[in-house]
């Protein structure tokens, strides 16, 4: 049933969003480094890698520059138009094709790069590998502004992600594993749009009262 909805919703979304996607393709072709799509290796269901598709928002050599696969707030590697795409999450829309082809689902744990995936505990990996990764998920909702959260921590970005972000994000993904159903998925779809408009909203915690509590460092 979930796969059926993924095919129907992603196909419908691709058709409906074509008037938005086509102008983005044209702008990317004419600006920055003149390339449109970026394929990045991510870890999917069963721990197997796949190519995640995004609109290009950063310099081509970004993985070998600065903080590598961790993007910082005001990252100098991000191109001007790319900042708009990242802020609005439009850069993630090509993943609708990943969903249509079966690499991903509409809702699920956010697929990570091999390095960031390696920061998860064995318990979290075992749970996540049972799920198809998602375009959005409860981890994406709670960490809507992950780059700003890490910037405010005052820590080295890699260390912050490894010791703070990764453990809590892993707990959120395990929560989803225990509670997943279509109704929860539809709620998360709504919340994904909601937190873009209202990033400080506590609605996710009001709707899902048994979510793992936010760590003190996030509240601060």
N, C-alpha and C. Protein backbone atom coordinates (compact mmCIF):
# COMPACT_ATOMS: atom_id res chain seq x y z
N UNK A 1 0.83 -1.20 0.00
CA UNK A 1 0.00 0.00 0.00
C UNK A 1 0.87 1.26 0.00
N UNK A 2 1.92 1.26 0.82
CA UNK A 2 2.82 2.43 0.88
C UNK A 2 3.49 2.66 -0.46
N UNK A 3 3.93 1.56 -1.11
CA UNK A 3 4.58 1.70 -2.41
C UNK A 3 3.59 2.22 -3.45
N UNK A 4 2.36 1.78 -3.38
CA UNK A 4 1.32 2.24 -4.29
C UNK A 4 1.15 3.75 -4.17
N UNK A 5 1.06 4.25 -2.93
CA UNK A 5 0.91 5.69 -2.72
C UNK A 5 2.15 6.45 -3.17
N UNK A 6 3.33 5.86 -2.98
CA UNK A 6 4.56 6.50 -3.42
C UNK A 6 4.56 6.72 -4.93
N UNK A 7 4.14 5.71 -5.69
CA UNK A 7 4.12 5.81 -7.15
C UNK A 7 3.10 6.86 -7.59
N UNK A 8 1.90 6.78 -7.02
CA UNK A 8 0.83 7.70 -7.41
C UNK A 8 1.19 9.14 -7.04
N UNK A 9 1.64 9.36 -5.80
CA UNK A 9 1.92 10.72 -5.33
C UNK A 9 3.13 11.32 -6.03
N UNK A 10 4.20 10.53 -6.20
CA UNK A 10 5.40 11.08 -6.86
C UNK A 10 5.12 11.38 -8.33
N UNK A 11 4.39 10.49 -9.02
CA UNK A 11 4.05 10.73 -10.42
C UNK A 11 3.18 11.97 -10.58
N UNK A 12 2.20 12.10 -9.68
CA UNK A 12 1.31 13.27 -9.72
C UNK A 12 2.10 14.54 -9.43
N UNK A 13 3.01 14.46 -8.44
CA UNK A 13 3.80 15.64 -8.07
C UNK A 13 4.73 16.07 -9.21
N UNK A 14 5.33 15.11 -9.88
CA UNK A 14 6.22 15.43 -11.01
C UNK A 14 5.46 16.19 -12.09
N UNK A 15 4.24 15.72 -12.39
CA UNK A 15 3.42 16.39 -13.40
C UNK A 15 3.01 17.80 -12.95
N UNK A 16 2.55 17.90 -11.71
CA UNK A 16 2.06 19.19 -11.21
C UNK A 16 3.17 20.21 -11.04
N UNK A 17 4.37 19.74 -10.68
CA UNK A 17 5.48 20.65 -10.41
C UNK A 17 6.33 20.96 -11.64
N UNK A 18 5.99 20.37 -12.77
CA UNK A 18 6.76 20.62 -13.99
C UNK A 18 6.90 22.11 -14.30
N UNK A 19 5.83 22.93 -14.12
CA UNK A 19 5.98 24.37 -14.39
C UNK A 19 7.01 25.05 -13.49
N UNK A 20 7.28 24.46 -12.32
CA UNK A 20 8.31 25.00 -11.43
C UNK A 20 9.67 24.40 -11.76
N UNK A 21 9.71 23.11 -12.02
CA UNK A 21 10.98 22.43 -12.25
C UNK A 21 11.67 22.91 -13.52
N UNK A 22 10.91 23.13 -14.58
CA UNK A 22 11.51 23.53 -15.86
C UNK A 22 12.23 24.88 -15.76
N UNK A 23 11.61 25.93 -15.15
CA UNK A 23 12.36 27.20 -14.99
C UNK A 23 13.61 27.04 -14.14
N UNK A 24 13.55 26.19 -13.11
CA UNK A 24 14.74 25.96 -12.27
C UNK A 24 15.85 25.35 -13.12
N UNK A 25 15.51 24.38 -13.95
CA UNK A 25 16.50 23.75 -14.84
C UNK A 25 17.16 24.79 -15.74
N UNK A 26 16.34 25.68 -16.30
CA UNK A 26 16.87 26.71 -17.20
C UNK A 26 17.81 27.67 -16.47
N UNK A 27 17.39 28.13 -15.27
CA UNK A 27 18.22 29.06 -14.48
C UNK A 27 19.55 28.42 -14.11
N UNK A 28 19.51 27.16 -13.68
CA UNK A 28 20.75 26.47 -13.30
C UNK A 28 21.68 26.32 -14.50
N UNK A 29 21.09 26.08 -15.67
CA UNK A 29 21.91 25.91 -16.87
C UNK A 29 22.60 27.21 -17.26
N UNK A 30 21.97 28.34 -16.93
CA UNK A 30 22.50 29.64 -17.34
C UNK A 30 23.35 30.32 -16.27
N UNK A 31 23.34 29.80 -15.04
CA UNK A 31 24.06 30.45 -13.94
C UNK A 31 25.05 29.49 -13.29
N UNK A 32 25.78 30.01 -12.30
CA UNK A 32 26.70 29.19 -11.52
C UNK A 32 27.71 28.48 -12.39
N UNK A 33 27.83 27.17 -12.19
CA UNK A 33 28.77 26.36 -12.98
C UNK A 33 28.07 25.63 -14.12
N UNK A 34 26.83 26.03 -14.40
CA UNK A 34 26.08 25.58 -15.57
C UNK A 34 25.74 24.08 -15.57
N UNK A 35 25.64 23.49 -14.40
CA UNK A 35 25.15 22.12 -14.37
C UNK A 35 23.88 22.06 -13.52
N UNK A 36 23.03 21.08 -13.82
CA UNK A 36 21.66 21.08 -13.30
C UNK A 36 21.47 20.12 -12.13
N UNK A 37 21.88 18.89 -12.33
CA UNK A 37 21.64 17.87 -11.31
C UNK A 37 22.95 17.42 -10.65
N UNK A 38 22.79 16.97 -9.43
CA UNK A 38 23.93 16.45 -8.67
C UNK A 38 23.50 15.12 -8.07
N UNK A 39 24.27 14.09 -8.33
CA UNK A 39 23.97 12.76 -7.79
C UNK A 39 24.96 12.45 -6.67
N UNK A 40 24.44 12.14 -5.51
CA UNK A 40 25.30 11.87 -4.35
C UNK A 40 25.01 10.47 -3.81
N UNK A 41 26.06 9.75 -3.44
CA UNK A 41 25.88 8.42 -2.88
C UNK A 41 25.26 8.52 -1.48
N UNK A 42 24.18 7.82 -1.28
CA UNK A 42 23.51 7.75 0.01
C UNK A 42 23.26 6.28 0.36
N UNK A 43 22.99 6.02 1.64
CA UNK A 43 22.72 4.66 2.09
C UNK A 43 21.21 4.44 2.14
N UNK A 44 20.74 3.39 1.48
CA UNK A 44 19.31 3.11 1.39
C UNK A 44 18.91 1.87 2.17
N UNK A 45 17.78 1.31 1.79
CA UNK A 45 17.22 0.15 2.46
C UNK A 45 18.21 -1.01 2.43
N UNK A 46 18.33 -1.70 3.55
CA UNK A 46 19.26 -2.82 3.65
C UNK A 46 20.71 -2.41 3.72
N UNK A 47 20.95 -1.10 3.92
CA UNK A 47 22.33 -0.61 3.99
C UNK A 47 23.01 -0.52 2.64
N UNK A 48 22.22 -0.60 1.55
CA UNK A 48 22.80 -0.56 0.21
C UNK A 48 22.87 0.87 -0.30
N UNK A 49 23.95 1.25 -0.97
CA UNK A 49 24.08 2.62 -1.50
C UNK A 49 23.24 2.82 -2.76
N UNK A 50 22.81 4.05 -2.98
CA UNK A 50 22.12 4.41 -4.21
C UNK A 50 22.45 5.87 -4.52
N UNK A 51 22.13 6.30 -5.72
CA UNK A 51 22.42 7.67 -6.14
C UNK A 51 21.24 8.59 -5.90
N UNK A 52 21.37 9.49 -4.94
CA UNK A 52 20.31 10.44 -4.61
C UNK A 52 20.44 11.66 -5.52
N UNK A 53 19.32 12.06 -6.12
CA UNK A 53 19.32 13.12 -7.11
C UNK A 53 18.86 14.45 -6.48
N UNK A 54 19.62 15.52 -6.76
CA UNK A 54 19.27 16.86 -6.29
C UNK A 54 19.55 17.87 -7.39
N UNK A 55 18.91 19.03 -7.26
CA UNK A 55 19.35 20.15 -8.09
C UNK A 55 20.70 20.61 -7.57
N UNK A 56 21.58 21.00 -8.46
CA UNK A 56 22.91 21.47 -8.08
C UNK A 56 22.81 22.82 -7.38
N UNK A 57 23.35 22.89 -6.17
CA UNK A 57 23.32 24.14 -5.41
C UNK A 57 24.70 24.58 -4.96
N UNK A 58 25.70 23.71 -5.14
CA UNK A 58 27.04 24.00 -4.64
C UNK A 58 28.08 23.84 -5.75
N UNK A 59 29.28 24.29 -5.47
CA UNK A 59 30.39 24.10 -6.40
C UNK A 59 30.61 22.61 -6.67
N UNK A 60 31.01 22.28 -7.89
CA UNK A 60 31.16 20.87 -8.27
C UNK A 60 32.13 20.12 -7.36
N UNK A 61 33.18 20.80 -6.93
CA UNK A 61 34.21 20.13 -6.14
C UNK A 61 33.95 20.23 -4.63
N UNK A 62 32.72 20.56 -4.24
CA UNK A 62 32.38 20.76 -2.83
C UNK A 62 32.75 19.59 -1.91
N UNK A 63 32.54 18.32 -2.34
CA UNK A 63 32.86 17.21 -1.44
C UNK A 63 34.33 17.18 -1.02
N UNK A 64 35.21 17.81 -1.82
CA UNK A 64 36.63 17.81 -1.51
C UNK A 64 37.09 19.15 -0.92
N UNK A 65 36.11 19.97 -0.51
CA UNK A 65 36.43 21.29 0.03
C UNK A 65 35.79 21.46 1.41
N UNK A 66 36.42 22.29 2.23
CA UNK A 66 35.83 22.68 3.52
C UNK A 66 35.41 21.51 4.38
N UNK A 67 34.12 21.48 4.78
CA UNK A 67 33.61 20.45 5.69
C UNK A 67 33.07 19.23 4.97
N UNK A 68 33.41 19.07 3.70
CA UNK A 68 33.03 17.86 2.98
C UNK A 68 31.53 17.73 2.79
N UNK A 69 30.94 16.61 3.28
CA UNK A 69 29.51 16.37 3.06
C UNK A 69 28.63 16.96 4.15
N UNK A 70 29.20 17.78 5.03
CA UNK A 70 28.41 18.53 6.01
C UNK A 70 28.36 19.98 5.55
N UNK A 71 27.16 20.50 5.33
CA UNK A 71 26.99 21.88 4.87
C UNK A 71 26.78 22.79 6.06
N UNK A 72 27.54 23.85 6.14
CA UNK A 72 27.45 24.77 7.27
C UNK A 72 26.55 25.96 6.92
N UNK A 73 26.14 26.69 7.95
CA UNK A 73 25.36 27.89 7.73
C UNK A 73 26.22 28.91 7.00
N UNK A 74 25.67 29.55 5.98
CA UNK A 74 26.41 30.52 5.14
C UNK A 74 27.64 29.87 4.50
N UNK A 75 27.51 28.60 4.13
CA UNK A 75 28.62 27.86 3.52
C UNK A 75 29.04 28.57 2.22
N UNK A 76 30.33 28.93 2.09
CA UNK A 76 30.78 29.65 0.89
C UNK A 76 30.74 28.81 -0.36
N UNK A 77 30.58 27.50 -0.23
CA UNK A 77 30.52 26.63 -1.40
C UNK A 77 29.16 26.67 -2.09
N UNK A 78 28.14 27.19 -1.39
CA UNK A 78 26.79 27.25 -1.95
C UNK A 78 26.67 28.41 -2.92
N UNK A 79 26.17 28.16 -4.11
CA UNK A 79 26.00 29.18 -5.14
C UNK A 79 24.80 30.09 -4.81
N UNK A 80 24.79 31.33 -5.32
CA UNK A 80 23.71 32.28 -4.97
C UNK A 80 22.30 31.73 -5.21
N UNK A 81 22.03 31.20 -6.39
CA UNK A 81 20.70 30.63 -6.66
C UNK A 81 20.48 29.38 -5.83
N UNK A 82 21.57 28.70 -5.54
CA UNK A 82 21.49 27.50 -4.72
C UNK A 82 20.97 27.79 -3.32
N UNK A 83 21.27 28.97 -2.79
CA UNK A 83 20.79 29.34 -1.46
C UNK A 83 19.27 29.41 -1.44
N UNK A 84 18.70 29.93 -2.51
CA UNK A 84 17.23 30.00 -2.60
C UNK A 84 16.64 28.60 -2.68
N UNK A 85 17.25 27.76 -3.48
CA UNK A 85 16.75 26.39 -3.63
C UNK A 85 16.84 25.62 -2.32
N UNK A 86 17.93 25.81 -1.58
CA UNK A 86 18.11 25.09 -0.32
C UNK A 86 17.16 25.62 0.75
N UNK A 87 16.96 26.92 0.79
CA UNK A 87 16.09 27.53 1.79
C UNK A 87 14.65 27.05 1.64
N UNK A 88 14.21 26.93 0.39
CA UNK A 88 12.84 26.52 0.10
C UNK A 88 12.69 25.00 -0.04
N UNK A 89 13.81 24.29 0.00
CA UNK A 89 13.85 22.84 -0.18
C UNK A 89 13.52 22.40 -1.61
N UNK A 90 13.49 23.35 -2.55
CA UNK A 90 13.23 23.00 -3.94
C UNK A 90 14.35 22.11 -4.49
N UNK A 91 15.56 22.27 -3.93
CA UNK A 91 16.68 21.45 -4.40
C UNK A 91 16.45 19.95 -4.20
N UNK A 92 15.53 19.59 -3.29
CA UNK A 92 15.26 18.19 -3.01
C UNK A 92 14.24 17.58 -3.98
N UNK A 93 13.54 18.39 -4.77
CA UNK A 93 12.43 17.88 -5.59
C UNK A 93 12.82 16.83 -6.63
N UNK A 94 14.04 16.86 -7.22
CA UNK A 94 14.39 15.78 -8.15
C UNK A 94 14.33 14.38 -7.53
N UNK A 95 14.31 14.32 -6.20
CA UNK A 95 14.20 13.01 -5.54
C UNK A 95 12.83 12.38 -5.76
N UNK A 96 11.90 13.15 -6.31
CA UNK A 96 10.61 12.55 -6.72
C UNK A 96 10.85 11.43 -7.73
N UNK A 97 11.90 11.58 -8.56
CA UNK A 97 12.23 10.53 -9.52
C UNK A 97 12.82 9.32 -8.79
N UNK A 98 13.61 9.55 -7.72
CA UNK A 98 14.10 8.44 -6.90
C UNK A 98 12.94 7.66 -6.30
N UNK A 99 11.89 8.40 -5.88
CA UNK A 99 10.72 7.76 -5.28
C UNK A 99 9.97 6.95 -6.33
N UNK A 100 9.75 7.55 -7.49
CA UNK A 100 9.00 6.88 -8.55
C UNK A 100 9.70 5.58 -8.97
N UNK A 101 11.04 5.59 -8.95
CA UNK A 101 11.80 4.41 -9.36
C UNK A 101 11.98 3.39 -8.25
N UNK A 102 11.63 3.77 -7.00
CA UNK A 102 11.67 2.81 -5.91
C UNK A 102 12.88 2.89 -4.99
N UNK A 103 13.81 3.82 -5.26
CA UNK A 103 14.97 3.98 -4.36
C UNK A 103 14.55 4.58 -3.02
N UNK A 104 13.49 5.40 -3.06
CA UNK A 104 13.06 6.13 -1.88
C UNK A 104 11.55 6.06 -1.75
N UNK A 105 11.07 6.57 -0.61
CA UNK A 105 9.65 6.69 -0.34
C UNK A 105 9.34 8.16 -0.08
N UNK A 106 8.07 8.53 -0.06
CA UNK A 106 7.72 9.91 0.29
C UNK A 106 8.18 10.20 1.72
N UNK A 107 7.86 9.29 2.64
CA UNK A 107 8.23 9.47 4.05
C UNK A 107 9.07 8.28 4.51
N UNK A 108 10.14 8.59 5.23
CA UNK A 108 11.03 7.56 5.76
C UNK A 108 12.24 8.23 6.38
N UNK A 109 13.16 7.47 6.90
CA UNK A 109 14.38 8.08 7.45
C UNK A 109 15.17 8.75 6.34
N UNK A 110 15.68 9.93 6.60
CA UNK A 110 16.43 10.65 5.58
C UNK A 110 17.71 9.90 5.26
N UNK A 111 17.98 9.58 3.98
CA UNK A 111 19.19 8.84 3.62
C UNK A 111 20.43 9.70 3.79
N UNK A 112 21.46 9.13 4.39
CA UNK A 112 22.68 9.87 4.69
C UNK A 112 23.83 9.40 3.82
N UNK A 113 24.86 10.24 3.74
CA UNK A 113 26.09 9.83 3.06
C UNK A 113 26.75 8.72 3.88
N UNK A 114 27.60 7.91 3.27
CA UNK A 114 28.24 6.82 4.01
C UNK A 114 28.94 7.30 5.28
N UNK A 115 29.61 8.47 5.22
CA UNK A 115 30.32 8.95 6.40
C UNK A 115 29.35 9.29 7.53
N UNK A 116 28.32 10.06 7.23
CA UNK A 116 27.37 10.45 8.28
C UNK A 116 26.56 9.25 8.77
N UNK A 117 26.26 8.32 7.86
CA UNK A 117 25.56 7.11 8.27
C UNK A 117 26.42 6.31 9.26
N UNK A 118 27.72 6.38 9.07
CA UNK A 118 28.63 5.65 9.96
C UNK A 118 28.61 6.14 11.39
N UNK A 119 28.09 7.34 11.63
CA UNK A 119 28.01 7.87 12.99
C UNK A 119 26.87 7.25 13.80
N UNK A 120 25.91 6.61 13.12
CA UNK A 120 24.81 5.97 13.83
C UNK A 120 25.32 4.76 14.61
N UNK A 121 24.66 4.46 15.71
CA UNK A 121 24.99 3.27 16.49
C UNK A 121 24.53 2.03 15.74
N UNK A 122 25.07 0.86 16.06
CA UNK A 122 24.62 -0.38 15.40
C UNK A 122 23.11 -0.60 15.56
N UNK A 123 22.55 -0.23 16.70
CA UNK A 123 21.11 -0.40 16.93
C UNK A 123 20.30 0.45 15.96
N UNK A 124 20.73 1.70 15.78
CA UNK A 124 20.02 2.60 14.88
C UNK A 124 20.15 2.10 13.44
N UNK A 125 21.35 1.69 13.04
CA UNK A 125 21.53 1.17 11.68
C UNK A 125 20.63 -0.04 11.42
N UNK A 126 20.55 -0.93 12.38
CA UNK A 126 19.73 -2.13 12.22
C UNK A 126 18.27 -1.77 11.99
N UNK A 127 17.79 -0.72 12.70
CA UNK A 127 16.41 -0.29 12.54
C UNK A 127 16.19 0.41 11.22
N UNK A 128 17.08 1.34 10.87
CA UNK A 128 16.91 2.13 9.66
C UNK A 128 16.99 1.25 8.41
N UNK A 129 17.81 0.22 8.45
CA UNK A 129 17.97 -0.63 7.28
C UNK A 129 16.72 -1.44 6.95
N UNK A 130 15.74 -1.44 7.86
CA UNK A 130 14.46 -2.10 7.60
C UNK A 130 13.51 -1.21 6.82
N UNK A 131 13.88 0.06 6.67
CA UNK A 131 12.98 1.05 6.08
C UNK A 131 13.52 1.58 4.75
N UNK A 132 12.61 1.98 3.88
CA UNK A 132 13.01 2.68 2.66
C UNK A 132 13.21 4.15 3.01
N UNK A 133 14.34 4.74 2.63
CA UNK A 133 14.59 6.14 2.98
C UNK A 133 13.57 7.08 2.35
N UNK A 134 13.38 8.25 2.97
CA UNK A 134 12.32 9.14 2.53
C UNK A 134 12.79 10.50 2.05
N UNK A 135 11.93 11.12 1.24
CA UNK A 135 12.13 12.52 0.85
C UNK A 135 12.06 13.41 2.09
N UNK A 136 11.16 13.05 3.00
CA UNK A 136 11.08 13.71 4.30
C UNK A 136 10.80 12.65 5.35
N UNK A 137 10.88 13.05 6.59
CA UNK A 137 10.64 12.12 7.68
C UNK A 137 10.61 12.90 8.98
N UNK A 138 10.40 12.21 10.07
CA UNK A 138 10.31 12.92 11.35
C UNK A 138 11.65 13.56 11.69
N UNK A 139 12.76 12.92 11.32
CA UNK A 139 14.07 13.53 11.55
C UNK A 139 14.24 14.82 10.76
N UNK A 140 13.74 14.84 9.52
CA UNK A 140 13.83 16.04 8.69
C UNK A 140 12.97 17.17 9.25
N UNK A 141 11.81 16.81 9.81
CA UNK A 141 10.90 17.81 10.38
C UNK A 141 11.55 18.48 11.60
N UNK A 142 12.05 17.67 12.50
CA UNK A 142 12.63 18.21 13.74
C UNK A 142 13.93 18.96 13.45
N UNK A 143 14.71 18.47 12.49
CA UNK A 143 15.97 19.14 12.12
C UNK A 143 15.78 19.98 10.86
N UNK A 144 14.66 20.67 10.78
CA UNK A 144 14.35 21.53 9.64
C UNK A 144 15.48 22.52 9.37
N UNK A 145 16.08 23.06 10.42
CA UNK A 145 17.13 24.08 10.27
C UNK A 145 18.44 23.56 10.87
N UNK A 146 18.84 22.39 10.41
CA UNK A 146 20.00 21.71 10.98
C UNK A 146 21.27 22.55 10.93
N UNK A 147 21.48 23.26 9.83
CA UNK A 147 22.69 24.05 9.68
C UNK A 147 22.77 25.15 10.74
N UNK A 148 21.66 25.82 11.01
CA UNK A 148 21.64 26.87 12.03
C UNK A 148 21.82 26.29 13.42
N UNK A 149 21.22 25.12 13.66
CA UNK A 149 21.35 24.46 14.96
C UNK A 149 22.82 24.18 15.26
N UNK A 150 23.53 23.65 14.26
CA UNK A 150 24.95 23.35 14.48
C UNK A 150 25.77 24.62 14.61
N UNK A 151 25.38 25.66 13.87
CA UNK A 151 26.12 26.93 13.96
C UNK A 151 26.02 27.52 15.36
N UNK A 152 24.85 27.40 15.98
CA UNK A 152 24.64 27.96 17.32
C UNK A 152 25.31 27.15 18.42
N UNK A 153 25.74 25.94 18.09
CA UNK A 153 26.32 25.08 19.12
C UNK A 153 27.69 25.56 19.58
N UNK A 154 28.38 26.31 18.71
CA UNK A 154 29.72 26.77 19.05
C UNK A 154 30.77 25.67 18.92
N UNK A 155 30.37 24.51 18.40
CA UNK A 155 31.28 23.38 18.26
C UNK A 155 31.76 23.26 16.82
N UNK A 156 32.81 22.49 16.63
CA UNK A 156 33.22 22.07 15.29
C UNK A 156 32.04 21.33 14.65
N UNK A 157 31.73 21.63 13.40
CA UNK A 157 30.54 21.08 12.76
C UNK A 157 30.54 19.56 12.74
N UNK A 158 31.66 18.97 12.37
CA UNK A 158 31.72 17.51 12.30
C UNK A 158 31.51 16.89 13.68
N UNK A 159 32.13 17.47 14.69
CA UNK A 159 31.99 16.93 16.05
C UNK A 159 30.57 17.12 16.56
N UNK A 160 29.96 18.26 16.23
CA UNK A 160 28.58 18.52 16.64
C UNK A 160 27.64 17.50 16.01
N UNK A 161 27.83 17.25 14.72
CA UNK A 161 26.96 16.29 14.04
C UNK A 161 27.14 14.90 14.65
N UNK A 162 28.38 14.52 14.89
CA UNK A 162 28.67 13.17 15.36
C UNK A 162 28.17 12.93 16.79
N UNK A 163 28.36 13.90 17.67
CA UNK A 163 28.06 13.69 19.09
C UNK A 163 26.68 14.19 19.52
N UNK A 164 26.09 15.10 18.75
CA UNK A 164 24.80 15.66 19.14
C UNK A 164 23.67 15.36 18.16
N UNK A 165 23.87 15.77 16.91
CA UNK A 165 22.80 15.62 15.91
C UNK A 165 22.51 14.15 15.63
N UNK A 166 23.53 13.38 15.33
CA UNK A 166 23.35 11.99 14.94
C UNK A 166 22.62 11.15 15.99
N UNK A 167 22.98 11.22 17.29
CA UNK A 167 22.27 10.39 18.28
C UNK A 167 20.78 10.73 18.39
N UNK A 168 20.45 12.03 18.36
CA UNK A 168 19.04 12.40 18.50
C UNK A 168 18.27 12.07 17.22
N UNK A 169 18.89 12.32 16.08
CA UNK A 169 18.23 11.99 14.82
C UNK A 169 17.99 10.48 14.73
N UNK A 170 18.94 9.71 15.20
CA UNK A 170 18.77 8.25 15.21
C UNK A 170 17.60 7.83 16.09
N UNK A 171 17.46 8.47 17.25
CA UNK A 171 16.33 8.16 18.14
C UNK A 171 15.00 8.48 17.47
N UNK A 172 14.96 9.58 16.72
CA UNK A 172 13.74 9.95 16.01
C UNK A 172 13.39 8.92 14.93
N UNK A 173 14.40 8.43 14.21
CA UNK A 173 14.14 7.46 13.16
C UNK A 173 13.66 6.12 13.74
N UNK A 174 14.18 5.74 14.91
CA UNK A 174 13.70 4.52 15.57
C UNK A 174 12.27 4.70 16.04
N UNK A 175 11.92 5.93 16.47
CA UNK A 175 10.53 6.21 16.84
C UNK A 175 9.62 5.97 15.63
N UNK A 176 10.06 6.43 14.46
CA UNK A 176 9.25 6.24 13.26
C UNK A 176 9.09 4.75 12.94
N UNK A 177 10.15 4.00 13.09
CA UNK A 177 10.10 2.55 12.83
C UNK A 177 9.00 1.90 13.67
N UNK A 178 8.85 2.33 14.91
CA UNK A 178 7.87 1.73 15.82
C UNK A 178 6.44 2.22 15.56
N UNK A 179 6.30 3.40 14.95
CA UNK A 179 4.97 4.01 14.81
C UNK A 179 4.50 4.14 13.36
N UNK A 180 5.27 3.67 12.41
CA UNK A 180 4.96 3.93 10.99
C UNK A 180 3.61 3.33 10.59
N UNK A 181 2.83 4.15 9.94
CA UNK A 181 1.60 3.75 9.26
C UNK A 181 1.22 4.89 8.32
N UNK A 182 0.24 4.70 7.48
CA UNK A 182 -0.10 5.72 6.48
C UNK A 182 -0.58 7.01 7.13
N UNK A 183 -1.29 6.91 8.27
CA UNK A 183 -1.79 8.11 8.92
C UNK A 183 -0.63 8.95 9.46
N UNK A 184 0.35 8.29 10.06
CA UNK A 184 1.55 8.98 10.53
C UNK A 184 2.28 9.62 9.35
N UNK A 185 2.36 8.91 8.23
CA UNK A 185 3.02 9.46 7.04
C UNK A 185 2.33 10.74 6.55
N UNK A 186 1.00 10.72 6.51
CA UNK A 186 0.27 11.90 6.05
C UNK A 186 0.47 13.07 7.00
N UNK A 187 0.55 12.80 8.29
CA UNK A 187 0.83 13.86 9.26
C UNK A 187 2.21 14.46 9.03
N UNK A 188 3.19 13.60 8.75
CA UNK A 188 4.56 14.08 8.53
C UNK A 188 4.64 14.89 7.24
N UNK A 189 3.87 14.49 6.21
CA UNK A 189 3.83 15.28 4.97
C UNK A 189 3.34 16.69 5.28
N UNK A 190 2.27 16.79 6.06
CA UNK A 190 1.75 18.11 6.43
C UNK A 190 2.78 18.89 7.25
N UNK A 191 3.41 18.23 8.22
CA UNK A 191 4.37 18.91 9.09
C UNK A 191 5.59 19.37 8.32
N UNK A 192 5.97 18.64 7.27
CA UNK A 192 7.12 19.04 6.45
C UNK A 192 6.89 20.43 5.86
N UNK A 193 5.67 20.66 5.34
CA UNK A 193 5.33 21.98 4.80
C UNK A 193 5.14 23.00 5.92
N UNK A 194 4.56 22.57 7.03
CA UNK A 194 4.26 23.47 8.15
C UNK A 194 5.53 24.09 8.73
N UNK A 195 6.57 23.28 8.95
CA UNK A 195 7.77 23.81 9.60
C UNK A 195 8.60 24.68 8.66
N UNK A 196 8.35 24.57 7.34
CA UNK A 196 9.00 25.51 6.42
C UNK A 196 8.42 26.90 6.63
N UNK A 197 7.10 26.96 6.83
CA UNK A 197 6.42 28.24 7.06
C UNK A 197 6.61 28.73 8.49
N UNK A 198 6.64 27.79 9.45
CA UNK A 198 6.74 28.15 10.87
C UNK A 198 7.85 27.30 11.51
N UNK A 199 9.11 27.66 11.25
CA UNK A 199 10.24 26.81 11.69
C UNK A 199 10.37 26.63 13.20
N UNK A 200 9.81 27.53 13.99
CA UNK A 200 9.91 27.40 15.45
C UNK A 200 8.69 26.72 16.08
N UNK A 201 7.78 26.25 15.24
CA UNK A 201 6.56 25.63 15.74
C UNK A 201 6.85 24.35 16.52
N UNK A 202 6.06 24.12 17.57
CA UNK A 202 6.18 22.89 18.36
C UNK A 202 5.06 21.91 18.01
N UNK A 203 4.39 22.16 16.89
CA UNK A 203 3.29 21.29 16.48
C UNK A 203 3.70 19.82 16.37
N UNK A 204 4.91 19.47 15.85
CA UNK A 204 5.28 18.05 15.80
C UNK A 204 5.22 17.37 17.15
N UNK A 205 5.63 18.08 18.21
CA UNK A 205 5.62 17.49 19.55
C UNK A 205 4.22 17.46 20.14
N UNK A 206 3.33 18.31 19.64
CA UNK A 206 1.95 18.28 20.10
C UNK A 206 1.18 17.15 19.43
N UNK A 207 1.47 16.92 18.16
CA UNK A 207 0.81 15.83 17.45
C UNK A 207 1.35 14.47 17.85
N UNK A 208 2.66 14.39 18.05
CA UNK A 208 3.31 13.14 18.43
C UNK A 208 3.88 13.31 19.83
N UNK A 209 3.05 13.11 20.81
CA UNK A 209 3.43 13.42 22.20
C UNK A 209 4.50 12.49 22.76
N UNK A 210 4.70 11.33 22.13
CA UNK A 210 5.69 10.38 22.64
C UNK A 210 7.00 10.44 21.85
N UNK A 211 7.21 11.52 21.09
CA UNK A 211 8.50 11.69 20.42
C UNK A 211 9.62 11.77 21.46
N UNK A 212 10.82 11.28 21.13
CA UNK A 212 11.95 11.49 22.04
C UNK A 212 12.11 12.97 22.35
N UNK A 213 12.26 13.29 23.63
CA UNK A 213 12.34 14.69 24.05
C UNK A 213 13.56 15.37 23.44
N UNK A 214 13.38 16.65 23.10
CA UNK A 214 14.50 17.42 22.58
C UNK A 214 15.62 17.49 23.62
N UNK A 215 16.87 17.29 23.21
CA UNK A 215 17.98 17.46 24.14
C UNK A 215 18.08 18.91 24.59
N UNK A 216 18.65 19.12 25.76
CA UNK A 216 18.79 20.48 26.29
C UNK A 216 19.53 21.40 25.33
N UNK A 217 20.54 20.86 24.64
CA UNK A 217 21.35 21.71 23.76
C UNK A 217 20.52 22.24 22.59
N UNK A 218 19.48 21.50 22.18
CA UNK A 218 18.62 22.00 21.11
C UNK A 218 17.67 23.08 21.63
N UNK A 219 17.19 22.92 22.84
CA UNK A 219 16.31 23.92 23.44
C UNK A 219 17.06 25.22 23.64
N UNK A 220 18.33 25.12 24.00
CA UNK A 220 19.14 26.31 24.21
C UNK A 220 19.38 27.04 22.90
